[in-house]
């Protein structure tokens, strides 16, 4: 038996054209927020440890949080926690 090649099959699957249901998108974003929280957890624990060592450590953590990178990490952490809890 010889199979005919179906000409209507797509040769390239464009993932941006696939319309996912809302719950599938919410599930994917929930998983992404969980991974972000898992990756940020060591940074948060290190910052807590450093800030509890004394005044110098607290000031160092304060300067890190005050920097633009620290603000971005803090924002990313807050958004991830909020979305993970709500979803």
C-alpha atoms as a PDB file:
ATOM      1  CA  UNK A   1       0.000   0.000   0.000  1.00  0.00           C
ATOM      2  CA  UNK A   2       1.437   3.365  -1.027  1.00  0.00           C
ATOM      3  CA  UNK A   3       0.495   6.450   0.984  1.00  0.00           C
ATOM      4  CA  UNK A   4      -0.115   9.638  -0.913  1.00  0.00           C
ATOM      5  CA  UNK A   5       1.490  12.795   0.382  1.00  0.00           C
ATOM      6  CA  UNK A   6      -1.225  15.130   1.605  1.00  0.00           C
ATOM      7  CA  UNK A   7      -0.547  18.549   0.037  1.00  0.00           C
ATOM      8  CA  UNK A   8      -2.687  20.370   2.637  1.00  0.00           C
ATOM      9  CA  UNK A   9      -0.455  19.481   5.564  1.00  0.00           C
ATOM     10  CA  UNK A  10       1.501  22.454   6.849  1.00  0.00           C
ATOM     11  CA  UNK A  11       5.223  22.214   6.379  1.00  0.00           C
ATOM     12  CA  UNK A  12       6.001  24.866   8.990  1.00  0.00           C
ATOM     13  CA  UNK A  13       4.088  25.147  12.252  1.00  0.00           C
ATOM     14  CA  UNK A  14       3.860  28.807  13.258  1.00  0.00           C
ATOM     15  CA  UNK A  15       3.185  28.825  17.003  1.00  0.00           C
ATOM     16  CA  UNK A  16       2.171  32.493  16.930  1.00  0.00           C
ATOM     17  CA  UNK A  17      -0.846  31.719  14.735  1.00  0.00           C
ATOM     18  CA  UNK A  18      -2.295  29.071  17.056  1.00  0.00           C
ATOM     19  CA  UNK A  19      -5.208  30.424  19.093  1.00  0.00           C
ATOM     20  CA  UNK A  20      -5.031  28.935  22.584  1.00  0.00           C
ATOM     21  CA  UNK A  21      -7.973  28.978  24.995  1.00  0.00           C
ATOM     22  CA  UNK A  22      -7.824  31.513  27.815  1.00  0.00           C
ATOM     23  CA  UNK A  23      -7.331  28.819  30.444  1.00  0.00           C
ATOM     24  CA  UNK A  24      -4.346  27.403  28.537  1.00  0.00           C
ATOM     25  CA  UNK A  25      -2.693  30.823  28.464  1.00  0.00           C
ATOM     26  CA  UNK A  26      -3.450  31.283  32.184  1.00  0.00           C
ATOM     27  CA  UNK A  27      -1.912  27.878  32.926  1.00  0.00           C
ATOM     28  CA  UNK A  28       1.241  28.683  30.969  1.00  0.00           C
ATOM     29  CA  UNK A  29       1.599  32.055  32.713  1.00  0.00           C
ATOM     30  CA  UNK A  30       1.022  30.393  36.099  1.00  0.00           C
ATOM     31  CA  UNK A  31       3.883  28.002  35.406  1.00  0.00           C
ATOM     32  CA  UNK A  32       6.134  30.838  34.194  1.00  0.00           C
ATOM     33  CA  UNK A  33       5.424  32.852  37.356  1.00  0.00           C
ATOM     34  CA  UNK A  34       6.266  29.776  39.460  1.00  0.00           C
ATOM     35  CA  UNK A  35       9.600  29.351  37.682  1.00  0.00           C
ATOM     36  CA  UNK A  36      10.378  33.052  38.165  1.00  0.00           C
ATOM     37  CA  UNK A  37       9.609  32.756  41.871  1.00  0.00           C
ATOM     38  CA  UNK A  38      11.805  29.688  42.138  1.00  0.00           C
ATOM     39  CA  UNK A  39      14.701  31.488  40.458  1.00  0.00           C
ATOM     40  CA  UNK A  40      14.309  34.674  42.528  1.00  0.00           C
ATOM     41  CA  UNK A  41      14.074  32.803  45.854  1.00  0.00           C
ATOM     42  CA  UNK A  42      17.871  32.427  46.373  1.00  0.00           C
ATOM     43  CA  UNK A  43      18.350  36.150  45.672  1.00  0.00           C
ATOM     44  CA  UNK A  44      15.689  37.053  48.245  1.00  0.00           C
ATOM     45  CA  UNK A  45      17.189  34.686  50.839  1.00  0.00           C
ATOM     46  CA  UNK A  46      20.664  36.141  50.240  1.00  0.00           C
ATOM     47  CA  UNK A  47      19.315  39.681  50.630  1.00  0.00           C
ATOM     48  CA  UNK A  48      17.540  38.747  53.856  1.00  0.00           C
ATOM     49  CA  UNK A  49      20.675  37.092  55.230  1.00  0.00           C
ATOM     50  CA  UNK A  50      22.812  40.089  54.290  1.00  0.00           C
ATOM     51  CA  UNK A  51      20.377  42.577  55.797  1.00  0.00           C
ATOM     52  CA  UNK A  52      20.208  40.676  59.099  1.00  0.00           C
ATOM     53  CA  UNK A  53      24.002  40.606  59.543  1.00  0.00           C
ATOM     54  CA  UNK A  54      24.183  44.216  60.686  1.00  0.00           C
ATOM     55  CA  UNK A  55      23.818  47.842  59.758  1.00  0.00           C
ATOM     56  CA  UNK A  56      26.336  47.681  56.902  1.00  0.00           C
ATOM     57  CA  UNK A  57      24.593  44.712  55.320  1.00  0.00           C
ATOM     58  CA  UNK A  58      21.214  46.405  55.646  1.00  0.00           C
ATOM     59  CA  UNK A  59      22.534  49.539  53.945  1.00  0.00           C
ATOM     60  CA  UNK A  60      24.070  47.432  51.182  1.00  0.00           C
ATOM     61  CA  UNK A  61      20.742  45.660  50.538  1.00  0.00           C
ATOM     62  CA  UNK A  62      18.974  49.035  50.637  1.00  0.00           C
ATOM     63  CA  UNK A  63      21.324  50.399  47.951  1.00  0.00           C
ATOM     64  CA  UNK A  64      20.801  47.283  45.825  1.00  0.00           C
ATOM     65  CA  UNK A  65      17.016  47.621  46.077  1.00  0.00           C
ATOM     66  CA  UNK A  66      17.270  51.334  45.293  1.00  0.00           C
ATOM     67  CA  UNK A  67      19.156  50.662  42.030  1.00  0.00           C
ATOM     68  CA  UNK A  68      17.226  50.255  38.746  1.00  0.00           C
ATOM     69  CA  UNK A  69      18.109  46.537  38.552  1.00  0.00           C
ATOM     70  CA  UNK A  70      16.945  46.057  42.137  1.00  0.00           C
ATOM     71  CA  UNK A  71      13.693  47.867  41.364  1.00  0.00           C
ATOM     72  CA  UNK A  72      13.147  45.596  38.346  1.00  0.00           C
ATOM     73  CA  UNK A  73      13.786  42.446  40.414  1.00  0.00           C
ATOM     74  CA  UNK A  74      11.456  43.738  43.126  1.00  0.00           C
ATOM     75  CA  UNK A  75       8.735  44.508  40.570  1.00  0.00           C
ATOM     76  CA  UNK A  76       9.156  41.121  38.891  1.00  0.00           C
ATOM     77  CA  UNK A  77       8.941  39.390  42.262  1.00  0.00           C
ATOM     78  CA  UNK A  78       5.806  41.291  43.269  1.00  0.00           C
ATOM     79  CA  UNK A  79       4.025  40.683  39.975  1.00  0.00           C
ATOM     80  CA  UNK A  80       4.980  36.999  40.010  1.00  0.00           C
ATOM     81  CA  UNK A  81       3.740  36.507  43.576  1.00  0.00           C
ATOM     82  CA  UNK A  82       0.492  38.333  42.831  1.00  0.00           C
ATOM     83  CA  UNK A  83      -0.218  36.429  39.621  1.00  0.00           C
ATOM     84  CA  UNK A  84       0.773  33.067  41.116  1.00  0.00           C
ATOM     85  CA  UNK A  85      -1.554  33.567  44.073  1.00  0.00           C
ATOM     86  CA  UNK A  86      -4.469  34.867  41.999  1.00  0.00           C
ATOM     87  CA  UNK A  87      -4.194  32.220  39.284  1.00  0.00           C
END
